[in-house]
């Protein structure tokens, strides 16, 4: 079974019934295991509306959580340092999400592909919908 780590943009779209919701429901039928990072859980919880919390709890409980440990921290820090040397600023949260995906052996699904230029990371573009 392949693994797909869902970025915050995908989770938010799914919670709001946008196109990602349909794609997310079809994953397991296609043999894809959906994962999430604790960073993305924090990001969506920070922006939740009160009425969205029960649905968010159900969504997160249905996902595997990618570990964030020392190796992921080193990888994220290395990416930030290397890109900074090239004049590119990467956000800490994005680097940790990407490191969690790589550590879990997962592809990353996101609407913000440009935020994830890490060479070791495979990214799928899941556009946000209205």
C-alpha atoms as a PDB file:
ATOM      1  CA  UNK A   1       0.000   0.000   0.000  1.00  0.00           C
ATOM      2  CA  UNK A   2       1.429   3.393  -0.941  1.00  0.00           C
ATOM      3  CA  UNK A   3       1.402   6.337   1.460  1.00  0.00           C
ATOM      4  CA  UNK A   4       0.188   9.890   0.910  1.00  0.00           C
ATOM      5  CA  UNK A   5       0.798  12.586   3.525  1.00  0.00           C
ATOM      6  CA  UNK A   6      -1.896  15.260   3.367  1.00  0.00           C
ATOM      7  CA  UNK A   7      -0.819  18.861   3.792  1.00  0.00           C
ATOM      8  CA  UNK A   8      -2.969  21.392   5.634  1.00  0.00           C
ATOM      9  CA  UNK A   9      -4.359  22.792   2.379  1.00  0.00           C
ATOM     10  CA  UNK A  10      -5.770  19.375   1.444  1.00  0.00           C
ATOM     11  CA  UNK A  11      -7.209  18.789   4.912  1.00  0.00           C
ATOM     12  CA  UNK A  12      -8.913  22.184   4.980  1.00  0.00           C
ATOM     13  CA  UNK A  13     -10.434  21.595   1.547  1.00  0.00           C
ATOM     14  CA  UNK A  14     -11.679  18.176   2.655  1.00  0.00           C
ATOM     15  CA  UNK A  15     -13.250  19.637   5.801  1.00  0.00           C
ATOM     16  CA  UNK A  16     -15.042  22.282   3.784  1.00  0.00           C
ATOM     17  CA  UNK A  17     -16.405  19.795   1.235  1.00  0.00           C
ATOM     18  CA  UNK A  18     -14.266  21.034  -1.625  1.00  0.00           C
ATOM     19  CA  UNK A  19     -12.775  18.806  -4.371  1.00  0.00           C
ATOM     20  CA  UNK A  20     -10.193  17.275  -2.025  1.00  0.00           C
ATOM     21  CA  UNK A  21     -12.996  15.619  -0.052  1.00  0.00           C
ATOM     22  CA  UNK A  22     -13.940  13.347  -2.968  1.00  0.00           C
ATOM     23  CA  UNK A  23     -10.309  12.528  -3.750  1.00  0.00           C
ATOM     24  CA  UNK A  24      -9.634  11.745  -0.103  1.00  0.00           C
ATOM     25  CA  UNK A  25     -12.539   9.288   0.098  1.00  0.00           C
ATOM     26  CA  UNK A  26     -11.225   7.406  -2.951  1.00  0.00           C
ATOM     27  CA  UNK A  27      -7.671   6.934  -1.615  1.00  0.00           C
ATOM     28  CA  UNK A  28      -8.128   3.682   0.284  1.00  0.00           C
ATOM     29  CA  UNK A  29     -10.073   2.120  -2.601  1.00  0.00           C
ATOM     30  CA  UNK A  30      -6.993   2.774  -4.750  1.00  0.00           C
ATOM     31  CA  UNK A  31      -4.648   1.209  -2.190  1.00  0.00           C
ATOM     32  CA  UNK A  32      -3.301   4.506  -0.846  1.00  0.00           C
ATOM     33  CA  UNK A  33      -2.900   4.979   2.904  1.00  0.00           C
ATOM     34  CA  UNK A  34      -3.559   8.603   4.005  1.00  0.00           C
ATOM     35  CA  UNK A  35      -1.166  10.124   6.547  1.00  0.00           C
ATOM     36  CA  UNK A  36      -0.896  13.461   8.359  1.00  0.00           C
ATOM     37  CA  UNK A  37       1.759  15.268  10.377  1.00  0.00           C
ATOM     38  CA  UNK A  38       1.232  16.824  13.792  1.00  0.00           C
ATOM     39  CA  UNK A  39       2.251  20.147  12.209  1.00  0.00           C
ATOM     40  CA  UNK A  40      -0.723  20.035   9.822  1.00  0.00           C
ATOM     41  CA  UNK A  41      -3.058  19.027  12.655  1.00  0.00           C
ATOM     42  CA  UNK A  42      -1.939  22.138  14.564  1.00  0.00           C
ATOM     43  CA  UNK A  43      -2.363  24.324  11.483  1.00  0.00           C
ATOM     44  CA  UNK A  44      -5.925  23.208  10.825  1.00  0.00           C
ATOM     45  CA  UNK A  45      -6.923  23.318  14.514  1.00  0.00           C
ATOM     46  CA  UNK A  46      -5.645  26.884  14.761  1.00  0.00           C
ATOM     47  CA  UNK A  47      -8.052  27.971  12.012  1.00  0.00           C
ATOM     48  CA  UNK A  48     -11.070  25.794  12.824  1.00  0.00           C
ATOM     49  CA  UNK A  49     -14.512  27.217  13.200  1.00  0.00           C
ATOM     50  CA  UNK A  50     -16.290  25.829  16.283  1.00  0.00           C
ATOM     51  CA  UNK A  51     -18.806  23.899  14.168  1.00  0.00           C
ATOM     52  CA  UNK A  52     -15.974  22.235  12.206  1.00  0.00           C
ATOM     53  CA  UNK A  53     -14.284  20.593  15.196  1.00  0.00           C
ATOM     54  CA  UNK A  54     -16.316  17.327  15.242  1.00  0.00           C
ATOM     55  CA  UNK A  55     -15.645  16.746  11.522  1.00  0.00           C
ATOM     56  CA  UNK A  56     -11.966  17.611  12.012  1.00  0.00           C
ATOM     57  CA  UNK A  57     -11.694  15.071  14.836  1.00  0.00           C
ATOM     58  CA  UNK A  58     -13.219  12.346  12.632  1.00  0.00           C
ATOM     59  CA  UNK A  59     -10.921  13.245   9.733  1.00  0.00           C
ATOM     60  CA  UNK A  60      -7.728  13.200  11.809  1.00  0.00           C
ATOM     61  CA  UNK A  61      -8.689   9.956  13.566  1.00  0.00           C
ATOM     62  CA  UNK A  62      -8.968   8.277  10.141  1.00  0.00           C
ATOM     63  CA  UNK A  63      -5.344   9.145   9.255  1.00  0.00           C
ATOM     64  CA  UNK A  64      -1.995   7.664  10.254  1.00  0.00           C
ATOM     65  CA  UNK A  65       0.299  10.168  11.990  1.00  0.00           C
ATOM     66  CA  UNK A  66       3.823  10.459  10.597  1.00  0.00           C
ATOM     67  CA  UNK A  67       6.490  10.525  13.304  1.00  0.00           C
ATOM     68  CA  UNK A  68       8.533  13.654  13.883  1.00  0.00           C
ATOM     69  CA  UNK A  69      11.794  12.781  15.553  1.00  0.00           C
ATOM     70  CA  UNK A  70      15.444  13.721  15.523  1.00  0.00           C
ATOM     71  CA  UNK A  71      16.063  12.549  11.951  1.00  0.00           C
ATOM     72  CA  UNK A  72      13.136  14.601  10.627  1.00  0.00           C
ATOM     73  CA  UNK A  73      14.392  17.620  12.572  1.00  0.00           C
ATOM     74  CA  UNK A  74      17.862  17.257  11.066  1.00  0.00           C
ATOM     75  CA  UNK A  75      16.461  16.855   7.566  1.00  0.00           C
ATOM     76  CA  UNK A  76      14.218  19.930   7.929  1.00  0.00           C
ATOM     77  CA  UNK A  77      17.074  22.004   9.325  1.00  0.00           C
ATOM     78  CA  UNK A  78      19.395  20.930   6.526  1.00  0.00           C
ATOM     79  CA  UNK A  79      16.834  21.931   3.883  1.00  0.00           C
ATOM     80  CA  UNK A  80      16.320  25.345   5.475  1.00  0.00           C
ATOM     81  CA  UNK A  81      20.089  25.931   5.719  1.00  0.00           C
ATOM     82  CA  UNK A  82      20.800  24.808   2.142  1.00  0.00           C
ATOM     83  CA  UNK A  83      17.990  26.874   0.660  1.00  0.00           C
ATOM     84  CA  UNK A  84      18.947  29.929   2.743  1.00  0.00           C
ATOM     85  CA  UNK A  85      22.441  29.701   1.242  1.00  0.00           C
ATOM     86  CA  UNK A  86      20.749  30.031  -2.172  1.00  0.00           C
ATOM     87  CA  UNK A  87      18.696  33.025  -1.004  1.00  0.00           C
ATOM     88  CA  UNK A  88      15.473  31.031  -0.606  1.00  0.00           C
ATOM     89  CA  UNK A  89      13.549  31.158   2.664  1.00  0.00           C
ATOM     90  CA  UNK A  90      11.660  28.005   3.572  1.00  0.00           C
ATOM     91  CA  UNK A  91       9.181  27.971   6.446  1.00  0.00           C
ATOM     92  CA  UNK A  92       9.893  25.758   9.423  1.00  0.00           C
ATOM     93  CA  UNK A  93       6.428  24.168   9.365  1.00  0.00           C
ATOM     94  CA  UNK A  94       6.703  23.282   5.669  1.00  0.00           C
ATOM     95  CA  UNK A  95      10.130  21.728   6.175  1.00  0.00           C
ATOM     96  CA  UNK A  96       8.898  19.637   9.092  1.00  0.00           C
ATOM     97  CA  UNK A  97       5.837  18.475   7.112  1.00  0.00           C
ATOM     98  CA  UNK A  98       8.099  17.540   4.195  1.00  0.00           C
ATOM     99  CA  UNK A  99      10.547  15.752   6.503  1.00  0.00           C
ATOM    100  CA  UNK A 100       7.666  13.789   8.040  1.00  0.00           C
ATOM    101  CA  UNK A 101       6.549  12.722   4.555  1.00  0.00           C
ATOM    102  CA  UNK A 102      10.048  11.608   3.565  1.00  0.00           C
ATOM    103  CA  UNK A 103      10.518   9.809   6.881  1.00  0.00           C
ATOM    104  CA  UNK A 104       7.235   7.938   6.437  1.00  0.00           C
ATOM    105  CA  UNK A 105       8.037   7.054   2.832  1.00  0.00           C
ATOM    106  CA  UNK A 106       5.036   9.068   1.676  1.00  0.00           C
ATOM    107  CA  UNK A 107       4.256  11.345  -1.226  1.00  0.00           C
ATOM    108  CA  UNK A 108       3.043  14.795  -0.116  1.00  0.00           C
ATOM    109  CA  UNK A 109      -0.340  16.101  -1.339  1.00  0.00           C
ATOM    110  CA  UNK A 110      -0.626  19.909  -1.253  1.00  0.00           C
ATOM    111  CA  UNK A 111      -2.130  22.894  -3.030  1.00  0.00           C
ATOM    112  CA  UNK A 112       1.120  24.812  -2.430  1.00  0.00           C
ATOM    113  CA  UNK A 113       3.669  22.860  -4.461  1.00  0.00           C
ATOM    114  CA  UNK A 114       6.091  25.811  -4.587  1.00  0.00           C
ATOM    115  CA  UNK A 115       6.484  25.649  -0.791  1.00  0.00           C
ATOM    116  CA  UNK A 116       8.078  22.194  -1.066  1.00  0.00           C
ATOM    117  CA  UNK A 117      11.164  22.334  -3.352  1.00  0.00           C
ATOM    118  CA  UNK A 118      13.022  19.608  -1.462  1.00  0.00           C
ATOM    119  CA  UNK A 119      14.726  17.231  -3.922  1.00  0.00           C
ATOM    120  CA  UNK A 120      14.066  14.088  -1.853  1.00  0.00           C
ATOM    121  CA  UNK A 121      10.330  14.804  -1.664  1.00  0.00           C
ATOM    122  CA  UNK A 122       7.741  13.654  -4.190  1.00  0.00           C
ATOM    123  CA  UNK A 123       4.822  16.102  -4.335  1.00  0.00           C
ATOM    124  CA  UNK A 124       1.329  15.774  -5.810  1.00  0.00           C
ATOM    125  CA  UNK A 125      -0.577  18.941  -6.648  1.00  0.00           C
ATOM    126  CA  UNK A 126      -4.079  18.899  -5.170  1.00  0.00           C
ATOM    127  CA  UNK A 127      -5.491  22.304  -6.175  1.00  0.00           C
ATOM    128  CA  UNK A 128      -7.731  24.111  -3.706  1.00  0.00           C
ATOM    129  CA  UNK A 129     -11.304  24.560  -4.792  1.00  0.00           C
ATOM    130  CA  UNK A 130     -13.862  27.271  -4.176  1.00  0.00           C
END
